[in-house]
Amino acid sequence: MAPERLYFDIASVGNTSSASIPIALHDAVREGVIDRPMRIFAPGFGAGAVGGYVVMRFDPAIVA
């Protein structure tokens, strides 16, 4: 996957555990990275070798 298609905000917010994906989505909307409804792939990894992912249709109009 091309680097310009990825979004990271860990440098500004650190490891926020279960809130990492919602915070990243909010920040991406605020920064204009997500500016229209689109399909998003969001993987997450946690302690104890726990992991998961979601593929969602995300509409930035619903972000407060």
PDB file of N, CA and C in Angstrom:
ATOM      1  N   MET A   1       0.849  -1.168   0.000  1.00  0.00           N
ATOM      2  CA  MET A   1       0.000   0.000   0.000  1.00  0.00           C
ATOM      3  C   MET A   1       0.900   1.237   0.000  1.00  0.00           C
ATOM      4  N   ALA A   2       0.554   2.196  -0.798  1.00  0.00           N
ATOM      5  CA  ALA A   2       1.345   3.421  -0.914  1.00  0.00           C
ATOM      6  C   ALA A   2       1.287   4.233   0.385  1.00  0.00           C
ATOM      7  N   PRO A   3       2.408   4.769   0.837  1.00  0.00           N
ATOM      8  CA  PRO A   3       2.446   5.528   2.095  1.00  0.00           C
ATOM      9  C   PRO A   3       1.466   6.703   2.146  1.00  0.00           C
ATOM     10  N   GLU A   4       1.206   7.331   1.018  1.00  0.00           N
ATOM     11  CA  GLU A   4       0.284   8.471   1.016  1.00  0.00           C
ATOM     12  C   GLU A   4      -1.167   8.051   1.268  1.00  0.00           C
ATOM     13  N   ARG A   5      -1.440   6.751   1.244  1.00  0.00           N
ATOM     14  CA  ARG A   5      -2.785   6.256   1.540  1.00  0.00           C
ATOM     15  C   ARG A   5      -2.945   5.870   3.004  1.00  0.00           C
ATOM     16  N   LEU A   6      -1.875   6.026   3.795  1.00  0.00           N
ATOM     17  CA  LEU A   6      -1.905   5.673   5.212  1.00  0.00           C
ATOM     18  C   LEU A   6      -2.002   6.935   6.062  1.00  0.00           C
ATOM     19  N   TYR A   7      -2.574   6.805   7.237  1.00  0.00           N
ATOM     20  CA  TYR A   7      -2.667   7.940   8.166  1.00  0.00           C
ATOM     21  C   TYR A   7      -2.225   7.472   9.546  1.00  0.00           C
ATOM     22  N   PHE A   8      -1.282   8.193  10.125  1.00  0.00           N
ATOM     23  CA  PHE A   8      -0.803   7.904  11.471  1.00  0.00           C
ATOM     24  C   PHE A   8      -0.884   9.171  12.308  1.00  0.00           C
ATOM     25  N   ASP A   9      -1.329   9.064  13.542  1.00  0.00           N
ATOM     26  CA  ASP A   9      -1.308  10.213  14.449  1.00  0.00           C
ATOM     27  C   ASP A   9      -0.684   9.864  15.798  1.00  0.00           C
ATOM     28  N   ILE A  10       0.001   8.735  15.858  1.00  0.00           N
ATOM     29  CA  ILE A  10       0.577   8.291  17.123  1.00  0.00           C
ATOM     30  C   ILE A  10       1.634   9.273  17.637  1.00  0.00           C
ATOM     31  N   ALA A  11       2.302   9.989  16.757  1.00  0.00           N
ATOM     32  CA  ALA A  11       3.311  10.958  17.190  1.00  0.00           C
ATOM     33  C   ALA A  11       2.688  12.107  17.969  1.00  0.00           C
ATOM     34  N   SER A  12       1.444  12.439  17.674  1.00  0.00           N
ATOM     35  CA  SER A  12       0.804  13.565  18.373  1.00  0.00           C
ATOM     36  C   SER A  12      -0.056  13.134  19.555  1.00  0.00           C
ATOM     37  N   VAL A  13      -0.589  11.909  19.542  1.00  0.00           N
ATOM     38  CA  VAL A  13      -1.478  11.491  20.638  1.00  0.00           C
ATOM     39  C   VAL A  13      -0.941  10.339  21.468  1.00  0.00           C
ATOM     40  N   GLY A  14       0.088   9.658  20.970  1.00  0.00           N
ATOM     41  CA  GLY A  14       0.619   8.511  21.703  1.00  0.00           C
ATOM     42  C   GLY A  14      -0.285   7.303  21.559  1.00  0.00           C
ATOM     43  N   ASN A  15      -0.056   6.314  22.410  1.00  0.00           N
ATOM     44  CA  ASN A  15      -0.860   5.101  22.398  1.00  0.00           C
ATOM     45  C   ASN A  15      -2.086   5.324  23.265  1.00  0.00           C
ATOM     46  N   THR A  16      -3.227   5.411  22.649  1.00  0.00           N
ATOM     47  CA  THR A  16      -4.469   5.660  23.385  1.00  0.00           C
ATOM     48  C   THR A  16      -5.338   4.416  23.477  1.00  0.00           C
ATOM     49  N   SER A  17      -4.736   3.276  23.259  1.00  0.00           N
ATOM     50  CA  SER A  17      -5.405   1.983  23.430  1.00  0.00           C
ATOM     51  C   SER A  17      -6.659   1.881  22.574  1.00  0.00           C
ATOM     52  N   SER A  18      -7.792   1.599  23.174  1.00  0.00           N
ATOM     53  CA  SER A  18      -9.014   1.352  22.399  1.00  0.00           C
ATOM     54  C   SER A  18      -9.555   2.600  21.705  1.00  0.00           C
ATOM     55  N   ALA A  19      -9.082   3.765  22.076  1.00  0.00           N
ATOM     56  CA  ALA A  19      -9.557   5.003  21.447  1.00  0.00           C
ATOM     57  C   ALA A  19      -8.720   5.408  20.242  1.00  0.00           C
ATOM     58  N   SER A  20      -7.685   4.655  19.913  1.00  0.00           N
ATOM     59  CA  SER A  20      -6.766   5.044  18.840  1.00  0.00           C
ATOM     60  C   SER A  20      -7.459   5.235  17.492  1.00  0.00           C
ATOM     61  N   ILE A  21      -8.310   4.314  17.103  1.00  0.00           N
ATOM     62  CA  ILE A  21      -8.954   4.414  15.792  1.00  0.00           C
ATOM     63  C   ILE A  21      -9.948   5.575  15.743  1.00  0.00           C
ATOM     64  N   PRO A  22     -10.850   5.744  16.725  1.00  0.00           N
ATOM     65  CA  PRO A  22     -11.754   6.899  16.656  1.00  0.00           C
ATOM     66  C   PRO A  22     -11.019   8.241  16.694  1.00  0.00           C
ATOM     67  N   ILE A  23      -9.955   8.340  17.475  1.00  0.00           N
ATOM     68  CA  ILE A  23      -9.180   9.593  17.517  1.00  0.00           C
ATOM     69  C   ILE A  23      -8.522   9.848  16.163  1.00  0.00           C
ATOM     70  N   ALA A  24      -7.956   8.807  15.551  1.00  0.00           N
ATOM     71  CA  ALA A  24      -7.321   8.968  14.241  1.00  0.00           C
ATOM     72  C   ALA A  24      -8.340   9.393  13.184  1.00  0.00           C
ATOM     73  N   LEU A  25      -9.538   8.821  13.216  1.00  0.00           N
ATOM     74  CA  LEU A  25     -10.577   9.228  12.263  1.00  0.00           C
ATOM     75  C   LEU A  25     -10.961  10.691  12.461  1.00  0.00           C
ATOM     76  N   HIS A  26     -11.136  11.105  13.704  1.00  0.00           N
ATOM     77  CA  HIS A  26     -11.473  12.502  13.998  1.00  0.00           C
ATOM     78  C   HIS A  26     -10.367  13.433  13.510  1.00  0.00           C
ATOM     79  N   ASP A  27      -9.117  13.103  13.815  1.00  0.00           N
ATOM     80  CA  ASP A  27      -7.994  13.946  13.398  1.00  0.00           C
ATOM     81  C   ASP A  27      -7.878  14.005  11.877  1.00  0.00           C
ATOM     82  N   ALA A  28      -8.101  12.879  11.204  1.00  0.00           N
ATOM     83  CA  ALA A  28      -8.017  12.856   9.741  1.00  0.00           C
ATOM     84  C   ALA A  28      -9.094  13.735   9.109  1.00  0.00           C
ATOM     85  N   VAL A  29     -10.275  13.767   9.691  1.00  0.00           N
ATOM     86  CA  VAL A  29     -11.334  14.658   9.198  1.00  0.00           C
ATOM     87  C   VAL A  29     -10.953  16.107   9.460  1.00  0.00           C
ATOM     88  N   ARG A  30     -10.494  16.396  10.670  1.00  0.00           N
ATOM     89  CA  ARG A  30     -10.124  17.763  11.037  1.00  0.00           C
ATOM     90  C   ARG A  30      -9.002  18.300  10.146  1.00  0.00           C
ATOM     91  N   GLU A  31      -8.060  17.433   9.767  1.00  0.00           N
ATOM     92  CA  GLU A  31      -6.933  17.847   8.924  1.00  0.00           C
ATOM     93  C   GLU A  31      -7.259  17.824   7.431  1.00  0.00           C
ATOM     94  N   GLY A  32      -8.455  17.392   7.067  1.00  0.00           N
ATOM     95  CA  GLY A  32      -8.857  17.366   5.666  1.00  0.00           C
ATOM     96  C   GLY A  32      -8.377  16.155   4.893  1.00  0.00           C
ATOM     97  N   VAL A  33      -7.796  15.177   5.584  1.00  0.00           N
ATOM     98  CA  VAL A  33      -7.359  13.947   4.918  1.00  0.00           C
ATOM     99  C   VAL A  33      -8.575  13.145   4.446  1.00  0.00           C
ATOM    100  N   ILE A  34      -9.597  13.108   5.276  1.00  0.00           N
ATOM    101  CA  ILE A  34     -10.874  12.498   4.890  1.00  0.00           C
ATOM    102  C   ILE A  34     -11.843  13.649   4.651  1.00  0.00           C
ATOM    103  N   ASP A  35     -12.188  13.865   3.396  1.00  0.00           N
ATOM    104  CA  ASP A  35     -13.036  15.013   3.059  1.00  0.00           C
ATOM    105  C   ASP A  35     -14.312  14.624   2.320  1.00  0.00           C
ATOM    106  N   ARG A  36     -14.531  13.330   2.184  1.00  0.00           N
ATOM    107  CA  ARG A  36     -15.741  12.832   1.520  1.00  0.00           C
ATOM    108  C   ARG A  36     -16.018  11.429   2.052  1.00  0.00           C
ATOM    109  N   PRO A  37     -17.216  10.916   1.889  1.00  0.00           N
ATOM    110  CA  PRO A  37     -17.474   9.538   2.305  1.00  0.00           C
ATOM    111  C   PRO A  37     -16.527   8.582   1.578  1.00  0.00           C
ATOM    112  N   MET A  38     -15.952   7.670   2.324  1.00  0.00           N
ATOM    113  CA  MET A  38     -15.030   6.708   1.720  1.00  0.00           C
ATOM    114  C   MET A  38     -14.977   5.425   2.532  1.00  0.00           C
ATOM    115  N   ARG A  39     -14.437   4.399   1.916  1.00  0.00           N
ATOM    116  CA  ARG A  39     -14.235   3.124   2.602  1.00  0.00           C
ATOM    117  C   ARG A  39     -12.891   3.183   3.319  1.00  0.00           C
ATOM    118  N   ILE A  40     -12.887   2.770   4.587  1.00  0.00           N
ATOM    119  CA  ILE A  40     -11.697   2.839   5.441  1.00  0.00           C
ATOM    120  C   ILE A  40     -11.367   1.435   5.939  1.00  0.00           C
ATOM    121  N   PHE A  41     -10.090   1.099   5.938  1.00  0.00           N
ATOM    122  CA  PHE A  41      -9.594  -0.124   6.562  1.00  0.00           C
ATOM    123  C   PHE A  41      -8.838   0.291   7.811  1.00  0.00           C
ATOM    124  N   ALA A  42      -9.251  -0.194   8.972  1.00  0.00           N
ATOM    125  CA  ALA A  42      -8.638   0.214  10.235  1.00  0.00           C
ATOM    126  C   ALA A  42      -8.256  -1.022  11.053  1.00  0.00           C
ATOM    127  N   PRO A  43      -6.959  -1.380  11.035  1.00  0.00           N
ATOM    128  CA  PRO A  43      -6.511  -2.497  11.865  1.00  0.00           C
ATOM    129  C   PRO A  43      -6.167  -2.010  13.261  1.00  0.00           C
ATOM    130  N   GLY A  44      -6.354  -2.873  14.239  1.00  0.00           N
ATOM    131  CA  GLY A  44      -5.997  -2.544  15.616  1.00  0.00           C
ATOM    132  C   GLY A  44      -5.324  -3.731  16.283  1.00  0.00           C
ATOM    133  N   PHE A  45      -4.374  -3.430  17.144  1.00  0.00           N
ATOM    134  CA  PHE A  45      -3.634  -4.478  17.847  1.00  0.00           C
ATOM    135  C   PHE A  45      -3.565  -4.103  19.319  1.00  0.00           C
ATOM    136  N   GLY A  46      -3.661  -5.087  20.186  1.00  0.00           N
ATOM    137  CA  GLY A  46      -3.645  -4.799  21.610  1.00  0.00           C
ATOM    138  C   GLY A  46      -2.731  -5.729  22.376  1.00  0.00           C
ATOM    139  N   ALA A  47      -2.751  -5.543  23.670  1.00  0.00           N
ATOM    140  CA  ALA A  47      -1.937  -6.371  24.555  1.00  0.00           C
ATOM    141  C   ALA A  47      -2.424  -7.812  24.517  1.00  0.00           C
ATOM    142  N   GLY A  48      -1.530  -8.732  24.786  1.00  0.00           N
ATOM    143  CA  GLY A  48      -1.911 -10.136  24.807  1.00  0.00           C
ATOM    144  C   GLY A  48      -2.130 -10.728  23.440  1.00  0.00           C
ATOM    145  N   ALA A  49      -1.482 -10.174  22.435  1.00  0.00           N
ATOM    146  CA  ALA A  49      -1.580 -10.670  21.062  1.00  0.00           C
ATOM    147  C   ALA A  49      -3.015 -10.633  20.532  1.00  0.00           C
ATOM    148  N   VAL A  50      -3.760  -9.614  20.911  1.00  0.00           N
ATOM    149  CA  VAL A  50      -5.129  -9.431  20.445  1.00  0.00           C
ATOM    150  C   VAL A  50      -5.092  -8.492  19.237  1.00  0.00           C
ATOM    151  N   GLY A  51      -5.855  -8.807  18.232  1.00  0.00           N
ATOM    152  CA  GLY A  51      -5.897  -7.959  17.057  1.00  0.00           C
ATOM    153  C   GLY A  51      -7.232  -8.072  16.356  1.00  0.00           C
ATOM    154  N   GLY A  52      -7.522  -7.102  15.558  1.00  0.00           N
ATOM    155  CA  GLY A  52      -8.752  -7.108  14.785  1.00  0.00           C
ATOM    156  C   GLY A  52      -8.703  -6.004  13.749  1.00  0.00           C
ATOM    157  N   TYR A  53      -9.695  -5.951  12.925  1.00  0.00           N
ATOM    158  CA  TYR A  53      -9.776  -4.894  11.929  1.00  0.00           C
ATOM    159  C   TYR A  53     -11.224  -4.656  11.554  1.00  0.00           C
ATOM    160  N   VAL A  54     -11.437  -3.532  10.909  1.00  0.00           N
ATOM    161  CA  VAL A  54     -12.760  -3.212  10.392  1.00  0.00           C
ATOM    162  C   VAL A  54     -12.577  -2.568   9.015  1.00  0.00           C
ATOM    163  N   VAL A  55     -13.476  -2.883   8.115  1.00  0.00           N
ATOM    164  CA  VAL A  55     -13.587  -2.179   6.844  1.00  0.00           C
ATOM    165  C   VAL A  55     -14.939  -1.494   6.915  1.00  0.00           C
ATOM    166  N   MET A  56     -14.927  -0.170   6.860  1.00  0.00           N
ATOM    167  CA  MET A  56     -16.182   0.573   7.045  1.00  0.00           C
ATOM    168  C   MET A  56     -16.329   1.661   5.993  1.00  0.00           C
ATOM    169  N   ARG A  57     -17.553   2.040   5.776  1.00  0.00           N
ATOM    170  CA  ARG A  57     -17.830   3.218   4.955  1.00  0.00           C
ATOM    171  C   ARG A  57     -17.961   4.355   5.934  1.00  0.00           C
ATOM    172  N   PHE A  58     -17.101   5.357   5.802  1.00  0.00           N
ATOM    173  CA  PHE A  58     -17.019   6.438   6.773  1.00  0.00           C
ATOM    174  C   PHE A  58     -17.399   7.764   6.115  1.00  0.00           C
ATOM    175  N   ASP A  59     -18.332   8.475   6.726  1.00  0.00           N
ATOM    176  CA  ASP A  59     -18.788   9.764   6.207  1.00  0.00           C
ATOM    177  C   ASP A  59     -18.312  10.857   7.158  1.00  0.00           C
ATOM    178  N   PRO A  60     -17.430  11.752   6.715  1.00  0.00           N
ATOM    179  CA  PRO A  60     -16.896  12.787   7.598  1.00  0.00           C
ATOM    180  C   PRO A  60     -17.965  13.774   8.080  1.00  0.00           C
ATOM    181  N   ALA A  61     -19.113  13.808   7.437  1.00  0.00           N
ATOM    182  CA  ALA A  61     -20.185  14.716   7.861  1.00  0.00           C
ATOM    183  C   ALA A  61     -20.744  14.350   9.243  1.00  0.00           C
ATOM    184  N   ILE A  62     -20.512  13.132   9.692  1.00  0.00           N
ATOM    185  CA  ILE A  62     -21.058  12.735  10.994  1.00  0.00           C
ATOM    186  C   ILE A  62     -20.099  13.007  12.142  1.00  0.00           C
ATOM    187  N   VAL A  63     -18.894  13.473  11.857  1.00  0.00           N
ATOM    188  CA  VAL A  63     -17.900  13.746  12.897  1.00  0.00           C
ATOM    189  C   VAL A  63     -18.173  15.119  13.493  1.00  0.00           C
ATOM    190  N   ALA A  64     -18.296  15.165  14.819  1.00  0.00           N
ATOM    191  CA  ALA A  64     -18.584  16.448  15.486  1.00  0.00           C
ATOM    192  C   ALA A  64     -17.360  17.317  15.533  1.00  0.00           C
TER     193      ALA A  64
END
